PDB file of N, CA and C in Angstrom:
ATOM      1  N   UNK A   1      63.176 121.007-103.667  1.00  0.00           N
ATOM      2  CA  UNK A   1      63.026 120.063-102.566  1.00  0.00           C
ATOM      3  C   UNK A   1      61.844 119.118-102.806  1.00  0.00           C
ATOM      4  N   UNK A   2      60.757 119.643-103.348  1.00  0.00           N
ATOM      5  CA  UNK A   2      59.587 118.799-103.598  1.00  0.00           C
ATOM      6  C   UNK A   2      59.882 117.734-104.655  1.00  0.00           C
ATOM      7  N   UNK A   3      60.660 118.105-105.665  1.00  0.00           N
ATOM      8  CA  UNK A   3      61.027 117.142-106.695  1.00  0.00           C
ATOM      9  C   UNK A   3      61.872 116.027-106.080  1.00  0.00           C
ATOM     10  N   UNK A   4      62.850 116.376-105.264  1.00  0.00           N
ATOM     11  CA  UNK A   4      63.687 115.368-104.609  1.00  0.00           C
ATOM     12  C   UNK A   4      62.851 114.462-103.709  1.00  0.00           C
ATOM     13  N   UNK A   5      61.871 115.034-103.018  1.00  0.00           N
ATOM     14  CA  UNK A   5      60.989 114.247-102.158  1.00  0.00           C
ATOM     15  C   UNK A   5      60.153 113.274-102.991  1.00  0.00           C
ATOM     16  N   UNK A   6      59.632 113.732-104.123  1.00  0.00           N
ATOM     17  CA  UNK A   6      58.842 112.867-105.007  1.00  0.00           C
ATOM     18  C   UNK A   6      59.695 111.710-105.520  1.00  0.00           C
ATOM     19  N   UNK A   7      60.935 112.002-105.935  1.00  0.00           N
ATOM     20  CA  UNK A   7      61.830 110.938-106.392  1.00  0.00           C
ATOM     21  C   UNK A   7      62.058 109.911-105.287  1.00  0.00           C
ATOM     22  N   UNK A   8      62.318 110.402-104.102  1.00  0.00           N
ATOM     23  CA  UNK A   8      62.574 109.512-102.970  1.00  0.00           C
ATOM     24  C   UNK A   8      61.362 108.630-102.666  1.00  0.00           C
ATOM     25  N   UNK A   9      60.180 109.217-102.661  1.00  0.00           N
ATOM     26  CA  UNK A   9      58.956 108.451-102.380  1.00  0.00           C
ATOM     27  C   UNK A   9      58.708 107.374-103.424  1.00  0.00           C
ATOM     28  N   UNK A  10      59.104 107.631-104.654  1.00  0.00           N
ATOM     29  CA  UNK A  10      58.907 106.670-105.742  1.00  0.00           C
ATOM     30  C   UNK A  10      60.082 105.703-105.877  1.00  0.00           C
ATOM     31  N   UNK A  11      61.112 105.869-105.065  1.00  0.00           N
ATOM     32  CA  UNK A  11      62.272 104.985-105.129  1.00  0.00           C
ATOM     33  C   UNK A  11      63.110 105.210-106.385  1.00  0.00           C
ATOM     34  N   UNK A  12      63.183 106.455-106.848  1.00  0.00           N
ATOM     35  CA  UNK A  12      63.927 106.782-108.057  1.00  0.00           C
ATOM     36  C   UNK A  12      65.154 107.617-107.725  1.00  0.00           C
ATOM     37  N   UNK A  13      66.184 107.476-108.546  1.00  0.00           N
ATOM     38  CA  UNK A  13      67.381 108.299-108.382  1.00  0.00           C
ATOM     39  C   UNK A  13      67.829 108.816-109.745  1.00  0.00           C
ATOM     40  N   UNK A  14      68.514 109.935-109.729  1.00  0.00           N
ATOM     41  CA  UNK A  14      69.012 110.581-110.940  1.00  0.00           C
ATOM     42  C   UNK A  14      70.171 109.757-111.497  1.00  0.00           C
ATOM     43  N   UNK A  15      70.174 109.522-112.805  1.00  0.00           N
ATOM     44  CA  UNK A  15      71.250 108.764-113.446  1.00  0.00           C
ATOM     45  C   UNK A  15      72.513 109.589-113.641  1.00  0.00           C
ATOM     46  N   UNK A  16      72.430 110.899-113.444  1.00  0.00           N
ATOM     47  CA  UNK A  16      73.577 111.747-113.708  1.00  0.00           C
ATOM     48  C   UNK A  16      73.688 111.996-115.199  1.00  0.00           C
ATOM     49  N   UNK A  17      74.845 112.513-115.635  1.00  0.00           N
ATOM     50  CA  UNK A  17      74.999 112.834-117.053  1.00  0.00           C
ATOM     51  C   UNK A  17      76.452 113.060-117.390  1.00  0.00           C
ATOM     52  N   UNK A  18      76.731 113.059-118.688  1.00  0.00           N
ATOM     53  CA  UNK A  18      78.029 113.424-119.243  1.00  0.00           C
ATOM     54  C   UNK A  18      77.767 114.587-120.186  1.00  0.00           C
ATOM     55  N   UNK A  19      78.592 115.610-120.118  1.00  0.00           N
ATOM     56  CA  UNK A  19      78.427 116.771-120.992  1.00  0.00           C
ATOM     57  C   UNK A  19      78.122 118.021-120.197  1.00  0.00           C
ATOM     58  N   UNK A  20      77.723 119.071-120.897  1.00  0.00           N
ATOM     59  CA  UNK A  20      77.439 120.334-120.219  1.00  0.00           C
ATOM     60  C   UNK A  20      76.299 120.190-119.213  1.00  0.00           C
ATOM     61  N   UNK A  21      76.393 120.903-118.088  1.00  0.00           N
ATOM     62  CA  UNK A  21      75.377 120.806-117.050  1.00  0.00           C
ATOM     63  C   UNK A  21      74.041 121.408-117.492  1.00  0.00           C
ATOM     64  N   UNK A  22      74.089 122.511-118.173  1.00  0.00           N
ATOM     65  CA  UNK A  22      72.885 123.241-118.553  1.00  0.00           C
ATOM     66  C   UNK A  22      72.191 122.541-119.724  1.00  0.00           C
ATOM     67  N   UNK A  23      70.856 122.314-119.615  1.00  0.00           N
ATOM     68  CA  UNK A  23      70.097 121.721-120.722  1.00  0.00           C
ATOM     69  C   UNK A  23      69.132 122.722-121.356  1.00  0.00           C
ATOM     70  N   UNK A  24      68.981 123.895-120.773  1.00  0.00           N
ATOM     71  CA  UNK A  24      68.088 124.914-121.315  1.00  0.00           C
ATOM     72  C   UNK A  24      68.652 126.295-121.001  1.00  0.00           C
ATOM     73  N   UNK A  25      68.478 127.229-121.943  1.00  0.00           N
ATOM     74  CA  UNK A  25      68.788 128.629-121.670  1.00  0.00           C
ATOM     75  C   UNK A  25      67.803 129.497-122.437  1.00  0.00           C
ATOM     76  N   UNK A  26      67.604 130.708-121.954  1.00  0.00           N
ATOM     77  CA  UNK A  26      66.616 131.592-122.578  1.00  0.00           C
ATOM     78  C   UNK A  26      67.183 132.416-123.730  1.00  0.00           C
ATOM     79  N   UNK A  27      68.413 132.141-124.121  1.00  0.00           N
ATOM     80  CA  UNK A  27      69.062 132.784-125.270  1.00  0.00           C
ATOM     81  C   UNK A  27      69.158 134.306-125.122  1.00  0.00           C
ATOM     82  N   UNK A  28      69.296 134.771-123.887  1.00  0.00           N
ATOM     83  CA  UNK A  28      69.502 136.198-123.615  1.00  0.00           C
ATOM     84  C   UNK A  28      70.934 136.388-123.150  1.00  0.00           C
ATOM     85  N   UNK A  29      71.373 137.636-123.112  1.00  0.00           N
ATOM     86  CA  UNK A  29      72.716 137.967-122.663  1.00  0.00           C
ATOM     87  C   UNK A  29      72.660 138.774-121.371  1.00  0.00           C
ATOM     88  N   UNK A  30      73.798 138.840-120.714  1.00  0.00           N
ATOM     89  CA  UNK A  30      73.936 139.675-119.523  1.00  0.00           C
ATOM     90  C   UNK A  30      73.064 139.226-118.371  1.00  0.00           C
ATOM     91  N   UNK A  31      72.517 140.191-117.631  1.00  0.00           N
ATOM     92  CA  UNK A  31      71.717 139.892-116.445  1.00  0.00           C
ATOM     93  C   UNK A  31      70.396 139.201-116.777  1.00  0.00           C
ATOM     94  N   UNK A  32      69.938 139.303-118.014  1.00  0.00           N
ATOM     95  CA  UNK A  32      68.682 138.665-118.428  1.00  0.00           C
ATOM     96  C   UNK A  32      68.859 137.180-118.731  1.00  0.00           C
ATOM     97  N   UNK A  33      70.110 136.717-118.791  1.00  0.00           N
ATOM     98  CA  UNK A  33      70.379 135.319-119.149  1.00  0.00           C
ATOM     99  C   UNK A  33      69.947 134.381-118.027  1.00  0.00           C
ATOM    100  N   UNK A  34      69.187 133.362-118.405  1.00  0.00           N
ATOM    101  CA  UNK A  34      68.748 132.318-117.476  1.00  0.00           C
ATOM    102  C   UNK A  34      69.106 130.980-118.107  1.00  0.00           C
ATOM    103  N   UNK A  35      69.708 130.101-117.331  1.00  0.00           N
ATOM    104  CA  UNK A  35      70.020 128.755-117.808  1.00  0.00           C
ATOM    105  C   UNK A  35      69.923 127.783-116.642  1.00  0.00           C
ATOM    106  N   UNK A  36      69.529 126.542-116.952  1.00  0.00           N
ATOM    107  CA  UNK A  36      69.330 125.556-115.892  1.00  0.00           C
ATOM    108  C   UNK A  36      69.367 124.149-116.476  1.00  0.00           C
ATOM    109  N   UNK A  37      69.467 123.198-115.614  1.00  0.00           N
ATOM    110  CA  UNK A  37      69.372 121.787-116.000  1.00  0.00           C
ATOM    111  C   UNK A  37      67.926 121.360-115.768  1.00  0.00           C
ATOM    112  N   UNK A  38      67.102 121.447-116.810  1.00  0.00           N
ATOM    113  CA  UNK A  38      65.689 121.098-116.699  1.00  0.00           C
ATOM    114  C   UNK A  38      65.444 119.611-116.905  1.00  0.00           C
ATOM    115  N   UNK A  39      66.252 118.970-117.730  1.00  0.00           N
ATOM    116  CA  UNK A  39      66.016 117.579-118.112  1.00  0.00           C
ATOM    117  C   UNK A  39      66.834 116.628-117.263  1.00  0.00           C
ATOM    118  N   UNK A  40      66.189 115.582-116.808  1.00  0.00           N
ATOM    119  CA  UNK A  40      66.865 114.573-115.996  1.00  0.00           C
ATOM    120  C   UNK A  40      66.394 113.189-116.406  1.00  0.00           C
ATOM    121  N   UNK A  41      67.244 112.229-116.213  1.00  0.00           N
ATOM    122  CA  UNK A  41      66.883 110.830-116.427  1.00  0.00           C
ATOM    123  C   UNK A  41      66.945 110.160-115.068  1.00  0.00           C
ATOM    124  N   UNK A  42      65.861 109.508-114.698  1.00  0.00           N
ATOM    125  CA  UNK A  42      65.793 108.852-113.396  1.00  0.00           C
ATOM    126  C   UNK A  42      65.462 107.385-113.574  1.00  0.00           C
ATOM    127  N   UNK A  43      65.810 106.596-112.564  1.00  0.00           N
ATOM    128  CA  UNK A  43      65.538 105.162-112.633  1.00  0.00           C
ATOM    129  C   UNK A  43      65.396 104.605-111.222  1.00  0.00           C
ATOM    130  N   UNK A  44      64.863 103.393-111.166  1.00  0.00           N
ATOM    131  CA  UNK A  44      64.779 102.667-109.897  1.00  0.00           C
ATOM    132  C   UNK A  44      66.086 101.908-109.675  1.00  0.00           C
ATOM    133  N   UNK A  45      66.291 101.448-108.465  1.00  0.00           N
ATOM    134  CA  UNK A  45      67.483 100.632-108.169  1.00  0.00           C
ATOM    135  C   UNK A  45      67.458  99.327-108.961  1.00  0.00           C
ATOM    136  N   UNK A  46      66.279  98.735-109.131  1.00  0.00           N
ATOM    137  CA  UNK A  46      66.165  97.497-109.912  1.00  0.00           C
ATOM    138  C   UNK A  46      66.592  97.725-111.360  1.00  0.00           C
ATOM    139  N   UNK A  47      66.146  98.846-111.955  1.00  0.00           N
ATOM    140  CA  UNK A  47      66.518  99.156-113.336  1.00  0.00           C
ATOM    141  C   UNK A  47      68.023  99.365-113.436  1.00  0.00           C
ATOM    142  N   UNK A  48      68.580 100.051-112.460  1.00  0.00           N
ATOM    143  CA  UNK A  48      70.028 100.323-112.463  1.00  0.00           C
ATOM    144  C   UNK A  48      70.814  99.025-112.386  1.00  0.00           C
ATOM    145  N   UNK A  49      70.319  98.053-111.627  1.00  0.00           N
ATOM    146  CA  UNK A  49      70.997  96.748-111.557  1.00  0.00           C
ATOM    147  C   UNK A  49      70.939  96.012-112.896  1.00  0.00           C
ATOM    148  N   UNK A  50      69.853  96.199-113.642  1.00  0.00           N
ATOM    149  CA  UNK A  50      69.733  95.573-114.965  1.00  0.00           C
ATOM    150  C   UNK A  50      70.608  96.262-116.010  1.00  0.00           C
ATOM    151  N   UNK A  51      70.875  97.548-115.810  1.00  0.00           N
ATOM    152  CA  UNK A  51      71.641  98.347-116.778  1.00  0.00           C
ATOM    153  C   UNK A  51      72.754  99.128-116.074  1.00  0.00           C
ATOM    154  N   UNK A  52      73.730  98.444-115.504  1.00  0.00           N
ATOM    155  CA  UNK A  52      74.758  99.139-114.716  1.00  0.00           C
ATOM    156  C   UNK A  52      75.675 100.050-115.541  1.00  0.00           C
ATOM    157  N   UNK A  53      75.728  99.849-116.847  1.00  0.00           N
ATOM    158  CA  UNK A  53      76.608 100.661-117.693  1.00  0.00           C
ATOM    159  C   UNK A  53      75.879 101.821-118.371  1.00  0.00           C
ATOM    160  N   UNK A  54      74.629 102.039-118.021  1.00  0.00           N
ATOM    161  CA  UNK A  54      73.845 103.096-118.667  1.00  0.00           C
ATOM    162  C   UNK A  54      74.487 104.465-118.447  1.00  0.00           C
ATOM    163  N   UNK A  55      74.523 105.251-119.523  1.00  0.00           N
ATOM    164  CA  UNK A  55      75.121 106.589-119.480  1.00  0.00           C
ATOM    165  C   UNK A  55      74.189 107.565-120.186  1.00  0.00           C
ATOM    166  N   UNK A  56      73.946 108.709-119.568  1.00  0.00           N
ATOM    167  CA  UNK A  56      73.141 109.774-120.165  1.00  0.00           C
ATOM    168  C   UNK A  56      74.086 110.852-120.681  1.00  0.00           C
ATOM    169  N   UNK A  57      73.902 111.259-121.926  1.00  0.00           N
ATOM    170  CA  UNK A  57      74.724 112.316-122.514  1.00  0.00           C
ATOM    171  C   UNK A  57      73.866 113.529-122.827  1.00  0.00           C
ATOM    172  N   UNK A  58      74.356 114.707-122.457  1.00  0.00           N
ATOM    173  CA  UNK A  58      73.747 115.965-122.886  1.00  0.00           C
ATOM    174  C   UNK A  58      74.445 116.364-124.169  1.00  0.00           C
ATOM    175  N   UNK A  59      73.688 116.535-125.239  1.00  0.00           N
ATOM    176  CA  UNK A  59      74.254 116.808-126.552  1.00  0.00           C
ATOM    177  C   UNK A  59      74.380 118.313-126.796  1.00  0.00           C
ATOM    178  N   UNK A  60      75.095 118.682-127.852  1.00  0.00           N
ATOM    179  CA  UNK A  60      75.200 120.087-128.235  1.00  0.00           C
ATOM    180  C   UNK A  60      73.818 120.618-128.586  1.00  0.00           C
ATOM    181  N   UNK A  61      73.606 121.879-128.312  1.00  0.00           N
ATOM    182  CA  UNK A  61      72.287 122.472-128.550  1.00  0.00           C
ATOM    183  C   UNK A  61      72.022 122.744-130.018  1.00  0.00           C
ATOM    184  N   UNK A  62      73.054 122.859-130.837  1.00  0.00           N
ATOM    185  CA  UNK A  62      72.860 123.123-132.256  1.00  0.00           C
ATOM    186  C   UNK A  62      72.113 124.418-132.521  1.00  0.00           C
ATOM    187  N   UNK A  63      72.274 125.406-131.646  1.00  0.00           N
ATOM    188  CA  UNK A  63      71.610 126.688-131.825  1.00  0.00           C
ATOM    189  C   UNK A  63      70.245 126.784-131.159  1.00  0.00           C
ATOM    190  N   UNK A  64      69.728 125.677-130.664  1.00  0.00           N
ATOM    191  CA  UNK A  64      68.434 125.674-129.987  1.00  0.00           C
ATOM    192  C   UNK A  64      68.593 126.192-128.555  1.00  0.00           C
ATOM    193  N   UNK A  65      67.493 126.506-127.903  1.00  0.00           N
ATOM    194  CA  UNK A  65      67.543 126.892-126.500  1.00  0.00           C
ATOM    195  C   UNK A  65      67.543 125.660-125.590  1.00  0.00           C
ATOM    196  N   UNK A  66      67.418 124.478-126.170  1.00  0.00           N
ATOM    197  CA  UNK A  66      67.303 123.245-125.402  1.00  0.00           C
ATOM    198  C   UNK A  66      68.289 122.203-125.930  1.00  0.00           C
ATOM    199  N   UNK A  67      68.972 121.510-125.042  1.00  0.00           N
ATOM    200  CA  UNK A  67      69.872 120.424-125.432  1.00  0.00           C
ATOM    201  C   UNK A  67      69.099 119.107-125.460  1.00  0.00           C
ATOM    202  N   UNK A  68      69.373 118.290-126.453  1.00  0.00           N
ATOM    203  CA  UNK A  68      68.819 116.937-126.468  1.00  0.00           C
ATOM    204  C   UNK A  68      69.626 116.085-125.491  1.00  0.00           C
ATOM    205  N   UNK A  69      68.992 115.068-124.968  1.00  0.00           N
ATOM    206  CA  UNK A  69      69.704 114.104-124.127  1.00  0.00           C
ATOM    207  C   UNK A  69      69.507 112.732-124.753  1.00  0.00           C
ATOM    208  N   UNK A  70      70.487 111.883-124.558  1.00  0.00           N
ATOM    209  CA  UNK A  70      70.411 110.526-125.107  1.00  0.00           C
ATOM    210  C   UNK A  70      70.912 109.551-124.040  1.00  0.00           C
ATOM    211  N   UNK A  71      70.232 108.431-123.941  1.00  0.00           N
ATOM    212  CA  UNK A  71      70.574 107.399-122.963  1.00  0.00           C
ATOM    213  C   UNK A  71      71.176 106.210-123.698  1.00  0.00           C
ATOM    214  N   UNK A  72      72.399 105.856-123.332  1.00  0.00           N
ATOM    215  CA  UNK A  72      73.048 104.655-123.854  1.00  0.00           C
ATOM    216  C   UNK A  72      72.990 103.591-122.770  1.00  0.00           C
ATOM    217  N   UNK A  73      72.507 102.417-123.119  1.00  0.00           N
ATOM    218  CA  UNK A  73      72.434 101.334-122.139  1.00  0.00           C
ATOM    219  C   UNK A  73      73.768 100.637-121.963  1.00  0.00           C
ATOM    220  N   UNK A  74      74.662 100.792-122.930  1.00  0.00           N
ATOM    221  CA  UNK A  74      76.007 100.226-122.840  1.00  0.00           C
ATOM    222  C   UNK A  74      77.013 101.345-123.006  1.00  0.00           C
ATOM    223  N   UNK A  75      78.056 101.344-122.208  1.00  0.00           N
ATOM    224  CA  UNK A  75      79.017 102.431-122.285  1.00  0.00           C
ATOM    225  C   UNK A  75      80.008 102.297-123.441  1.00  0.00           C
ATOM    226  N   UNK A  76      80.011 101.175-124.134  1.00  0.00           N
ATOM    227  CA  UNK A  76      80.959 101.015-125.241  1.00  0.00           C
ATOM    228  C   UNK A  76      80.328 101.391-126.586  1.00  0.00           C
ATOM    229  N   UNK A  77      79.415 102.345-126.572  1.00  0.00           N
ATOM    230  CA  UNK A  77      78.817 102.874-127.792  1.00  0.00           C
ATOM    231  C   UNK A  77      79.184 104.341-127.867  1.00  0.00           C
ATOM    232  N   UNK A  78      79.629 104.788-129.039  1.00  0.00           N
ATOM    233  CA  UNK A  78      79.915 106.201-129.214  1.00  0.00           C
ATOM    234  C   UNK A  78      78.971 106.744-130.267  1.00  0.00           C
ATOM    235  N   UNK A  79      78.809 108.035-130.309  1.00  0.00           N
ATOM    236  CA  UNK A  79      77.921 108.609-131.306  1.00  0.00           C
ATOM    237  C   UNK A  79      78.588 109.789-131.974  1.00  0.00           C
ATOM    238  N   UNK A  80      78.137 110.051-133.182  1.00  0.00           N
ATOM    239  CA  UNK A  80      78.548 111.244-133.909  1.00  0.00           C
ATOM    240  C   UNK A  80      77.292 112.046-134.176  1.00  0.00           C
ATOM    241  N   UNK A  81      77.396 113.340-134.060  1.00  0.00           N
ATOM    242  CA  UNK A  81      76.262 114.210-134.329  1.00  0.00           C
ATOM    243  C   UNK A  81      76.674 115.238-135.362  1.00  0.00           C
ATOM    244  N   UNK A  82      75.947 115.287-136.451  1.00  0.00           N
ATOM    245  CA  UNK A  82      76.195 116.269-137.491  1.00  0.00           C
ATOM    246  C   UNK A  82      75.078 117.297-137.392  1.00  0.00           C
ATOM    247  N   UNK A  83      75.385 118.479-136.865  1.00  0.00           N
ATOM    248  CA  UNK A  83      74.379 119.507-136.638  1.00  0.00           C
ATOM    249  C   UNK A  83      73.636 119.939-137.887  1.00  0.00           C
ATOM    250  N   UNK A  84      74.239 119.708-139.062  1.00  0.00           N
ATOM    251  CA  UNK A  84      73.586 120.127-140.301  1.00  0.00           C
ATOM    252  C   UNK A  84      72.369 119.268-140.621  1.00  0.00           C
ATOM    253  N   UNK A  85      72.492 117.944-140.501  1.00  0.00           N
ATOM    254  CA  UNK A  85      71.357 117.098-140.879  1.00  0.00           C
ATOM    255  C   UNK A  85      70.574 116.603-139.665  1.00  0.00           C
ATOM    256  N   UNK A  86      71.067 116.904-138.475  1.00  0.00           N
ATOM    257  CA  UNK A  86      70.393 116.558-137.217  1.00  0.00           C
ATOM    258  C   UNK A  86      70.093 115.061-137.064  1.00  0.00           C
ATOM    259  N   UNK A  87      70.973 114.210-137.591  1.00  0.00           N
ATOM    260  CA  UNK A  87      70.823 112.772-137.432  1.00  0.00           C
ATOM    261  C   UNK A  87      71.916 112.266-136.494  1.00  0.00           C
ATOM    262  N   UNK A  88      71.549 111.359-135.622  1.00  0.00           N
ATOM    263  CA  UNK A  88      72.514 110.728-134.744  1.00  0.00           C
ATOM    264  C   UNK A  88      72.978 109.435-135.386  1.00  0.00           C
ATOM    265  N   UNK A  89      74.243 109.138-135.232  1.00  0.00           N
ATOM    266  CA  UNK A  89      74.768 107.894-135.771  1.00  0.00           C
ATOM    267  C   UNK A  89      75.458 107.139-134.632  1.00  0.00           C
ATOM    268  N   UNK A  90      74.968 105.950-134.360  1.00  0.00           N
ATOM    269  CA  UNK A  90      75.539 105.128-133.304  1.00  0.00           C
ATOM    270  C   UNK A  90      76.526 104.159-133.920  1.00  0.00           C
ATOM    271  N   UNK A  91      77.665 104.011-133.264  1.00  0.00           N
ATOM    272  CA  UNK A  91      78.690 103.114-133.754  1.00  0.00           C
ATOM    273  C   UNK A  91      79.231 102.276-132.609  1.00  0.00           C
ATOM    274  N   UNK A  92      79.265 100.950-132.758  1.00  0.00           N
ATOM    275  CA  UNK A  92      79.910 100.137-131.723  1.00  0.00           C
ATOM    276  C   UNK A  92      81.423 100.340-131.768  1.00  0.00           C
ATOM    277  N   UNK A  93      82.074 100.223-130.649  1.00  0.00           N
ATOM    278  CA  UNK A  93      83.546 100.335-130.615  1.00  0.00           C
ATOM    279  C   UNK A  93      84.157  99.126-131.243  1.00  0.00           C
TER     280      UNK A  93
END
């Protein structure tokens, strides 16, 4: 609730995301497993008007306990991720 209040006071809103909801997990099994969406991308209404097609993607974890996130300012960009070399490749449609 305090985080939501801080966002509201600053005039910021969550950009949302595409992909898995969880961005972090403690890599445990069973009842000890904890996972949550820790990472968020926020913006002002003015920024959103400048970038109406902005999209946030939650990427594969690649074995890590944390997912990377990437912000695309245009929705007509796709990416490929090769977990072996950990390089992102952006390609226009």
